[in-house]
Each structure stands twice: as C-alpha cells, then as structure tokens.
Amino acid sequence: MKKLACLLLVAAAACVWWGCSPQKPAAVQETSAAGAPKASWRLKLDIPESINAAKPVDVALRVFDAGGQPVENAQAELSLVMSNMDMGENKPVLAETAPGTYTGKATFTMAGPWEVIARVGKGGQSISQRFPCNVR
C-alpha cells in the first residue's frame, strides 16, 4: 500500500513538473474593438492529458458567457505553439458542433512543452487564453 501511495505521489509531482495538466489556463487576456465592452467569457479546453507527438487528438473548446450560457456562432480558433522553439504555424480547424462547443483535431508535431492559444471573437468582443501542455 505504501508503494502505491509513493508511486501516485511521484506521478502527481511529475505531472506538475512537466505540465501534463493542459486544462490549467494561463492568465486570461481580454481585448475588444474600440469602444466595445470587453468580453466576460470563460474558455474551457478539453484535450487529452496524454498527448503523443505526430498523433492527431480530439480537442474541444467550450465558450461560456458570464451567466454560464454557451456563446454560439463565434469565430473560434486554436494555435499550437511550441514553448521553446518556432515550429511554424499550426492551427487546427474548428467547427461548432454544439452550442458554444468548437471541436477539431490537433496534431502536435514534436515532443516537448507546448501552449494551446485559444482565441474567440463575436460582435466586436474577443478573448484569448493560453493552455499549457506537454507532448511525449
């Protein structure tokens, strides 16, 4: 039993150290067109915790307004950016598959630390948020 508890503790520490918790968002940056109110939306990225390089994974970006209602018919995009080197532009195509849910397939081209940058805009309002993840 002690070995199992120790193993779980080591695994949790490894996840914190290597960033295998992609749902932990970085600071939200809100922007808006001149004179328009800032968006008070919440973004949630659903992505597998275990990601292998060069293997497509399903991703879902969920967008909610301040009242918790889905934000429909928005322009949503993801950019996959490697944290420690320039890997060029990598933007998976997203489609709204349910109210406020934008899904697609993402392929991380190599192992290492990455950020998924989500950008959503609608009616002159926009928001972007970074989600760190680690690829094997």
N, C-alpha and C. Protein backbone atom coordinates (compact mmCIF):
# COMPACT_ATOMS: atom_id res chain seq x y z
N MET A 1 0.82 -1.19 0.00
CA MET A 1 0.00 0.00 0.00
C MET A 1 0.87 1.25 0.00
N LYS A 2 1.97 1.22 0.78
CA LYS A 2 2.88 2.37 0.83
C LYS A 2 3.53 2.61 -0.52
N LYS A 3 3.84 1.51 -1.22
CA LYS A 3 4.46 1.65 -2.54
C LYS A 3 3.50 2.33 -3.51
N LEU A 4 2.21 1.98 -3.48
CA LEU A 4 1.22 2.59 -4.35
C LEU A 4 1.07 4.07 -4.04
N ALA A 5 0.99 4.43 -2.76
CA ALA A 5 0.87 5.83 -2.37
C ALA A 5 2.10 6.61 -2.83
N CYS A 6 3.28 6.04 -2.69
CA CYS A 6 4.51 6.69 -3.11
C CYS A 6 4.54 6.87 -4.62
N LEU A 7 4.12 5.85 -5.36
CA LEU A 7 4.07 5.91 -6.80
C LEU A 7 3.11 7.00 -7.27
N LEU A 8 1.94 7.09 -6.65
CA LEU A 8 0.97 8.13 -7.00
C LEU A 8 1.52 9.52 -6.71
N LEU A 9 2.22 9.67 -5.61
CA LEU A 9 2.81 10.95 -5.26
C LEU A 9 3.87 11.35 -6.28
N VAL A 10 4.70 10.42 -6.70
CA VAL A 10 5.72 10.69 -7.71
C VAL A 10 5.06 11.05 -9.05
N ALA A 11 4.01 10.34 -9.42
CA ALA A 11 3.31 10.63 -10.68
C ALA A 11 2.68 12.02 -10.64
N ALA A 12 2.08 12.39 -9.53
CA ALA A 12 1.47 13.72 -9.40
C ALA A 12 2.54 14.80 -9.49
N ALA A 13 3.68 14.59 -8.85
CA ALA A 13 4.77 15.56 -8.91
C ALA A 13 5.30 15.69 -10.34
N ALA A 14 5.40 14.57 -11.06
CA ALA A 14 5.85 14.61 -12.45
C ALA A 14 4.89 15.40 -13.32
N CYS A 15 3.59 15.22 -13.10
CA CYS A 15 2.60 15.96 -13.88
C CYS A 15 2.71 17.46 -13.62
N VAL A 16 2.92 17.84 -12.39
CA VAL A 16 3.09 19.26 -12.07
C VAL A 16 4.35 19.78 -12.72
N TRP A 17 5.46 19.02 -12.60
CA TRP A 17 6.74 19.46 -13.14
C TRP A 17 6.71 19.57 -14.66
N TRP A 18 6.18 18.57 -15.36
CA TRP A 18 6.20 18.56 -16.82
C TRP A 18 4.95 19.12 -17.46
N GLY A 19 4.01 19.57 -16.68
CA GLY A 19 2.86 20.26 -17.23
C GLY A 19 1.88 19.38 -17.95
N CYS A 20 1.58 18.21 -17.45
CA CYS A 20 0.63 17.35 -18.15
C CYS A 20 -0.80 17.63 -17.69
N SER A 21 -1.06 18.82 -17.27
CA SER A 21 -2.40 19.25 -16.90
C SER A 21 -2.82 20.37 -17.83
N PRO A 22 -3.19 20.04 -19.09
CA PRO A 22 -3.45 21.07 -20.09
C PRO A 22 -4.65 21.95 -19.78
N GLN A 23 -5.52 21.55 -18.87
CA GLN A 23 -6.68 22.35 -18.58
C GLN A 23 -6.36 23.54 -17.68
N LYS A 24 -5.16 23.61 -17.11
CA LYS A 24 -4.78 24.70 -16.23
C LYS A 24 -4.45 25.92 -17.09
N PRO A 25 -5.34 26.90 -17.16
CA PRO A 25 -5.13 28.02 -18.07
C PRO A 25 -4.18 29.07 -17.50
N ALA A 26 -3.49 29.75 -18.40
CA ALA A 26 -2.70 30.90 -18.02
C ALA A 26 -3.65 32.09 -17.88
N ALA A 27 -3.10 33.23 -17.57
CA ALA A 27 -3.94 34.42 -17.36
C ALA A 27 -4.77 34.73 -18.60
N VAL A 28 -6.00 35.14 -18.38
CA VAL A 28 -6.90 35.50 -19.46
C VAL A 28 -6.57 36.91 -19.92
N GLN A 29 -6.48 37.08 -21.23
CA GLN A 29 -6.26 38.40 -21.79
C GLN A 29 -7.51 38.76 -22.58
N GLU A 30 -8.19 39.82 -22.16
CA GLU A 30 -9.40 40.24 -22.85
C GLU A 30 -9.09 41.46 -23.71
N THR A 31 -9.63 41.45 -24.91
CA THR A 31 -9.47 42.59 -25.80
C THR A 31 -10.82 42.89 -26.42
N SER A 32 -10.96 44.07 -26.98
CA SER A 32 -12.20 44.40 -27.66
C SER A 32 -11.93 45.45 -28.71
N ALA A 33 -12.84 45.57 -29.66
CA ALA A 33 -12.74 46.61 -30.67
C ALA A 33 -12.94 47.95 -29.97
N ALA A 34 -12.47 49.01 -30.59
CA ALA A 34 -12.56 50.34 -29.97
C ALA A 34 -13.99 50.65 -29.55
N GLY A 35 -14.16 50.99 -28.27
CA GLY A 35 -15.47 51.38 -27.76
C GLY A 35 -16.37 50.22 -27.37
N ALA A 36 -16.04 48.99 -27.73
CA ALA A 36 -16.89 47.84 -27.40
C ALA A 36 -16.52 47.33 -26.01
N PRO A 37 -17.50 46.81 -25.28
CA PRO A 37 -17.17 46.27 -23.96
C PRO A 37 -16.30 45.02 -24.08
N LYS A 38 -15.49 44.79 -23.06
CA LYS A 38 -14.66 43.59 -23.05
C LYS A 38 -15.53 42.35 -22.85
N ALA A 39 -15.13 41.26 -23.48
CA ALA A 39 -15.86 40.00 -23.33
C ALA A 39 -15.65 39.46 -21.92
N SER A 40 -16.70 39.00 -21.31
CA SER A 40 -16.58 38.38 -19.98
C SER A 40 -16.88 36.89 -20.10
N TRP A 41 -16.26 36.27 -21.10
CA TRP A 41 -16.48 34.87 -21.36
C TRP A 41 -15.48 34.02 -20.59
N ARG A 42 -15.83 32.74 -20.43
CA ARG A 42 -14.93 31.74 -19.87
C ARG A 42 -14.64 30.72 -20.97
N LEU A 43 -13.40 30.32 -21.07
CA LEU A 43 -13.00 29.31 -22.05
C LEU A 43 -12.55 28.06 -21.31
N LYS A 44 -12.95 26.91 -21.83
CA LYS A 44 -12.52 25.63 -21.28
C LYS A 44 -12.04 24.78 -22.44
N LEU A 45 -10.80 24.32 -22.34
CA LEU A 45 -10.23 23.47 -23.38
C LEU A 45 -10.25 22.03 -22.92
N ASP A 46 -10.89 21.18 -23.69
CA ASP A 46 -10.89 19.73 -23.42
C ASP A 46 -9.89 19.11 -24.38
N ILE A 47 -8.83 18.54 -23.79
CA ILE A 47 -7.75 17.94 -24.56
C ILE A 47 -7.22 16.77 -23.74
N PRO A 48 -6.79 15.69 -24.37
CA PRO A 48 -6.29 14.55 -23.59
C PRO A 48 -5.09 14.95 -22.71
N GLU A 49 -5.00 14.35 -21.56
CA GLU A 49 -3.85 14.61 -20.68
C GLU A 49 -2.58 13.99 -21.23
N SER A 50 -2.71 12.89 -21.95
CA SER A 50 -1.55 12.23 -22.55
C SER A 50 -1.60 12.48 -24.06
N ILE A 51 -0.62 13.22 -24.55
CA ILE A 51 -0.57 13.57 -25.97
C ILE A 51 0.74 13.05 -26.54
N ASN A 52 0.66 12.31 -27.64
CA ASN A 52 1.85 11.79 -28.31
C ASN A 52 2.13 12.62 -29.56
N ALA A 53 3.40 12.93 -29.79
CA ALA A 53 3.80 13.71 -30.95
C ALA A 53 3.34 13.03 -32.24
N ALA A 54 2.91 13.84 -33.19
CA ALA A 54 2.52 13.41 -34.53
C ALA A 54 1.27 12.54 -34.59
N LYS A 55 0.55 12.42 -33.48
CA LYS A 55 -0.70 11.65 -33.46
C LYS A 55 -1.86 12.63 -33.25
N PRO A 56 -2.82 12.69 -34.17
CA PRO A 56 -3.94 13.61 -34.00
C PRO A 56 -4.75 13.30 -32.73
N VAL A 57 -5.18 14.35 -32.05
CA VAL A 57 -6.03 14.21 -30.87
C VAL A 57 -7.26 15.09 -31.05
N ASP A 58 -8.37 14.65 -30.46
CA ASP A 58 -9.59 15.44 -30.47
C ASP A 58 -9.47 16.57 -29.46
N VAL A 59 -9.87 17.77 -29.88
CA VAL A 59 -9.90 18.92 -28.98
C VAL A 59 -11.28 19.56 -29.03
N ALA A 60 -11.70 20.12 -27.91
CA ALA A 60 -12.97 20.83 -27.85
C ALA A 60 -12.76 22.10 -27.04
N LEU A 61 -13.13 23.22 -27.61
CA LEU A 61 -13.08 24.50 -26.92
C LEU A 61 -14.51 24.88 -26.58
N ARG A 62 -14.77 25.05 -25.29
CA ARG A 62 -16.11 25.41 -24.84
C ARG A 62 -16.08 26.87 -24.38
N VAL A 63 -17.07 27.64 -24.86
CA VAL A 63 -17.11 29.08 -24.58
C VAL A 63 -18.42 29.39 -23.87
N PHE A 64 -18.29 30.04 -22.70
CA PHE A 64 -19.45 30.38 -21.87
C PHE A 64 -19.45 31.87 -21.58
N ASP A 65 -20.65 32.46 -21.52
CA ASP A 65 -20.75 33.87 -21.13
C ASP A 65 -20.71 33.99 -19.61
N ALA A 66 -20.84 35.20 -19.10
CA ALA A 66 -20.74 35.45 -17.65
C ALA A 66 -21.81 34.69 -16.88
N GLY A 67 -22.96 34.43 -17.50
CA GLY A 67 -24.04 33.70 -16.85
C GLY A 67 -23.95 32.19 -17.00
N GLY A 68 -22.87 31.71 -17.65
CA GLY A 68 -22.69 30.27 -17.83
C GLY A 68 -23.37 29.69 -19.05
N GLN A 69 -23.94 30.57 -19.90
CA GLN A 69 -24.60 30.10 -21.11
C GLN A 69 -23.59 29.98 -22.25
N PRO A 70 -23.77 29.01 -23.16
CA PRO A 70 -22.83 28.85 -24.28
C PRO A 70 -22.86 30.06 -25.21
N VAL A 71 -21.69 30.43 -25.72
CA VAL A 71 -21.57 31.51 -26.70
C VAL A 71 -21.59 30.85 -28.08
N GLU A 72 -22.69 31.05 -28.78
CA GLU A 72 -22.89 30.42 -30.08
C GLU A 72 -22.44 31.32 -31.22
N ASN A 73 -22.16 30.71 -32.37
CA ASN A 73 -21.85 31.40 -33.62
C ASN A 73 -20.69 32.38 -33.49
N ALA A 74 -19.69 32.00 -32.74
CA ALA A 74 -18.49 32.83 -32.59
C ALA A 74 -17.42 32.36 -33.57
N GLN A 75 -16.41 33.17 -33.74
CA GLN A 75 -15.24 32.77 -34.52
C GLN A 75 -14.22 32.26 -33.50
N ALA A 76 -13.98 30.96 -33.52
CA ALA A 76 -13.07 30.34 -32.56
C ALA A 76 -11.90 29.72 -33.31
N GLU A 77 -10.70 29.93 -32.75
CA GLU A 77 -9.53 29.32 -33.36
C GLU A 77 -8.54 28.91 -32.28
N LEU A 78 -7.73 27.92 -32.62
CA LEU A 78 -6.65 27.47 -31.76
C LEU A 78 -5.35 27.61 -32.52
N SER A 79 -4.30 27.98 -31.80
CA SER A 79 -2.94 27.97 -32.34
C SER A 79 -2.10 27.10 -31.43
N LEU A 80 -1.38 26.16 -32.02
CA LEU A 80 -0.50 25.29 -31.25
C LEU A 80 0.91 25.85 -31.39
N VAL A 81 1.50 26.22 -30.25
CA VAL A 81 2.80 26.89 -30.25
C VAL A 81 3.75 26.13 -29.34
N MET A 82 4.88 25.72 -29.87
CA MET A 82 5.88 25.08 -29.03
C MET A 82 6.56 26.15 -28.21
N SER A 83 6.68 25.91 -26.91
CA SER A 83 7.18 26.93 -25.98
C SER A 83 8.66 27.25 -26.16
N ASN A 84 9.47 26.30 -26.59
CA ASN A 84 10.91 26.53 -26.62
C ASN A 84 11.53 26.63 -28.01
N MET A 85 10.72 26.61 -29.07
CA MET A 85 11.25 26.81 -30.42
C MET A 85 10.11 27.13 -31.38
N ASP A 86 10.48 27.74 -32.50
CA ASP A 86 9.49 28.10 -33.51
C ASP A 86 9.23 26.90 -34.41
N MET A 87 8.00 26.40 -34.35
CA MET A 87 7.62 25.25 -35.18
C MET A 87 6.71 25.67 -36.33
N GLY A 88 6.60 26.96 -36.58
CA GLY A 88 5.74 27.44 -37.66
C GLY A 88 4.29 27.49 -37.23
N GLU A 89 3.43 27.84 -38.15
CA GLU A 89 2.00 27.98 -37.86
C GLU A 89 1.32 26.62 -37.81
N ASN A 90 0.56 26.40 -36.75
CA ASN A 90 -0.15 25.14 -36.56
C ASN A 90 -1.52 25.48 -35.99
N LYS A 91 -2.51 25.59 -36.86
CA LYS A 91 -3.86 25.98 -36.45
C LYS A 91 -4.87 24.92 -36.88
N PRO A 92 -5.32 24.10 -35.94
CA PRO A 92 -6.35 23.11 -36.30
C PRO A 92 -7.66 23.81 -36.66
N VAL A 93 -8.39 23.21 -37.57
CA VAL A 93 -9.69 23.74 -37.98
C VAL A 93 -10.73 23.35 -36.93
N LEU A 94 -11.52 24.34 -36.49
CA LEU A 94 -12.58 24.10 -35.52
C LEU A 94 -13.94 24.32 -36.16
N ALA A 95 -14.91 23.55 -35.73
CA ALA A 95 -16.30 23.71 -36.18
C ALA A 95 -17.20 23.68 -34.94
N GLU A 96 -18.25 24.47 -34.96
CA GLU A 96 -19.19 24.46 -33.84
C GLU A 96 -20.07 23.22 -33.99
N THR A 97 -19.92 22.29 -33.06
CA THR A 97 -20.64 21.02 -33.14
C THR A 97 -21.79 20.93 -32.14
N ALA A 98 -21.85 21.87 -31.23
CA ALA A 98 -22.93 22.00 -30.25
C ALA A 98 -22.91 23.47 -29.82
N PRO A 99 -23.99 23.97 -29.24
CA PRO A 99 -23.97 25.38 -28.84
C PRO A 99 -22.77 25.72 -27.95
N GLY A 100 -21.92 26.63 -28.44
CA GLY A 100 -20.77 27.08 -27.69
C GLY A 100 -19.61 26.11 -27.62
N THR A 101 -19.67 25.00 -28.37
CA THR A 101 -18.61 23.99 -28.36
C THR A 101 -18.01 23.91 -29.76
N TYR A 102 -16.71 24.15 -29.84
CA TYR A 102 -15.99 24.19 -31.11
C TYR A 102 -14.96 23.06 -31.07
N THR A 103 -15.07 22.11 -32.00
CA THR A 103 -14.23 20.91 -31.95
C THR A 103 -13.39 20.77 -33.21
N GLY A 104 -12.32 19.98 -33.07
CA GLY A 104 -11.45 19.70 -34.20
C GLY A 104 -10.41 18.68 -33.82
N LYS A 105 -9.46 18.46 -34.71
CA LYS A 105 -8.33 17.55 -34.48
C LYS A 105 -7.07 18.39 -34.46
N ALA A 106 -6.22 18.13 -33.46
CA ALA A 106 -4.95 18.83 -33.34
C ALA A 106 -3.82 17.83 -33.41
N THR A 107 -2.74 18.22 -34.09
CA THR A 107 -1.55 17.38 -34.17
C THR A 107 -0.35 18.20 -33.71
N PHE A 108 0.26 17.76 -32.63
CA PHE A 108 1.47 18.38 -32.12
C PHE A 108 2.64 17.67 -32.79
N THR A 109 3.48 18.40 -33.49
CA THR A 109 4.45 17.78 -34.39
C THR A 109 5.69 17.20 -33.73
N MET A 110 5.96 17.58 -32.46
CA MET A 110 7.12 17.01 -31.80
C MET A 110 6.94 17.04 -30.29
N ALA A 111 7.71 16.22 -29.61
CA ALA A 111 7.62 16.13 -28.15
C ALA A 111 8.20 17.39 -27.50
N GLY A 112 7.63 17.73 -26.34
CA GLY A 112 8.14 18.86 -25.58
C GLY A 112 7.01 19.73 -25.05
N PRO A 113 7.37 20.90 -24.51
CA PRO A 113 6.37 21.81 -23.95
C PRO A 113 5.67 22.62 -25.04
N TRP A 114 4.35 22.68 -24.96
CA TRP A 114 3.54 23.42 -25.92
C TRP A 114 2.55 24.29 -25.18
N GLU A 115 1.98 25.26 -25.91
CA GLU A 115 0.85 26.05 -25.44
C GLU A 115 -0.22 26.00 -26.52
N VAL A 116 -1.45 25.85 -26.09
CA VAL A 116 -2.58 25.97 -26.99
C VAL A 116 -3.16 27.36 -26.71
N ILE A 117 -3.14 28.21 -27.72
CA ILE A 117 -3.68 29.56 -27.57
C ILE A 117 -5.06 29.57 -28.21
N ALA A 118 -6.07 29.81 -27.39
CA ALA A 118 -7.45 29.86 -27.87
C ALA A 118 -7.84 31.32 -28.05
N ARG A 119 -8.46 31.63 -29.19
CA ARG A 119 -8.97 32.97 -29.47
C ARG A 119 -10.42 32.84 -29.91
N VAL A 120 -11.27 33.66 -29.32
CA VAL A 120 -12.69 33.64 -29.66
C VAL A 120 -13.15 35.07 -29.83
N GLY A 121 -13.94 35.30 -30.89
CA GLY A 121 -14.48 36.63 -31.13
C GLY A 121 -15.92 36.56 -31.61
N LYS A 122 -16.68 37.59 -31.25
CA LYS A 122 -18.06 37.69 -31.70
C LYS A 122 -18.56 39.10 -31.39
N GLY A 123 -19.18 39.74 -32.37
CA GLY A 123 -19.81 41.04 -32.16
C GLY A 123 -18.87 42.12 -31.63
N GLY A 124 -17.65 42.17 -32.13
CA GLY A 124 -16.69 43.18 -31.68
C GLY A 124 -16.00 42.86 -30.37
N GLN A 125 -16.37 41.76 -29.73
CA GLN A 125 -15.72 41.34 -28.50
C GLN A 125 -14.81 40.16 -28.80
N SER A 126 -13.71 40.07 -28.04
CA SER A 126 -12.83 38.92 -28.23
C SER A 126 -12.10 38.63 -26.94
N ILE A 127 -11.60 37.41 -26.88
CA ILE A 127 -10.84 36.96 -25.71
C ILE A 127 -9.82 35.94 -26.19
N SER A 128 -8.68 35.89 -25.51
CA SER A 128 -7.70 34.84 -25.80
C SER A 128 -7.19 34.29 -24.48
N GLN A 129 -6.80 33.03 -24.52
CA GLN A 129 -6.34 32.37 -23.31
C GLN A 129 -5.34 31.30 -23.71
N ARG A 130 -4.31 31.12 -22.88
CA ARG A 130 -3.27 30.12 -23.12
C ARG A 130 -3.45 28.92 -22.21
N PHE A 131 -3.27 27.74 -22.78
CA PHE A 131 -3.37 26.49 -22.04
C PHE A 131 -2.08 25.71 -22.24
N PRO A 132 -1.26 25.56 -21.21
CA PRO A 132 0.00 24.81 -21.37
C PRO A 132 -0.25 23.31 -21.44
N CYS A 133 0.58 22.59 -22.17
CA CYS A 133 0.51 21.13 -22.20
C CYS A 133 1.88 20.58 -22.57
N ASN A 134 2.08 19.32 -22.28
CA ASN A 134 3.34 18.66 -22.59
C ASN A 134 3.06 17.49 -23.53
N VAL A 135 3.86 17.36 -24.55
CA VAL A 135 3.68 16.32 -25.56
C VAL A 135 4.83 15.34 -25.45
N ARG A 136 4.49 14.04 -25.52
CA ARG A 136 5.52 12.98 -25.45
C ARG A 136 6.02 12.63 -26.82
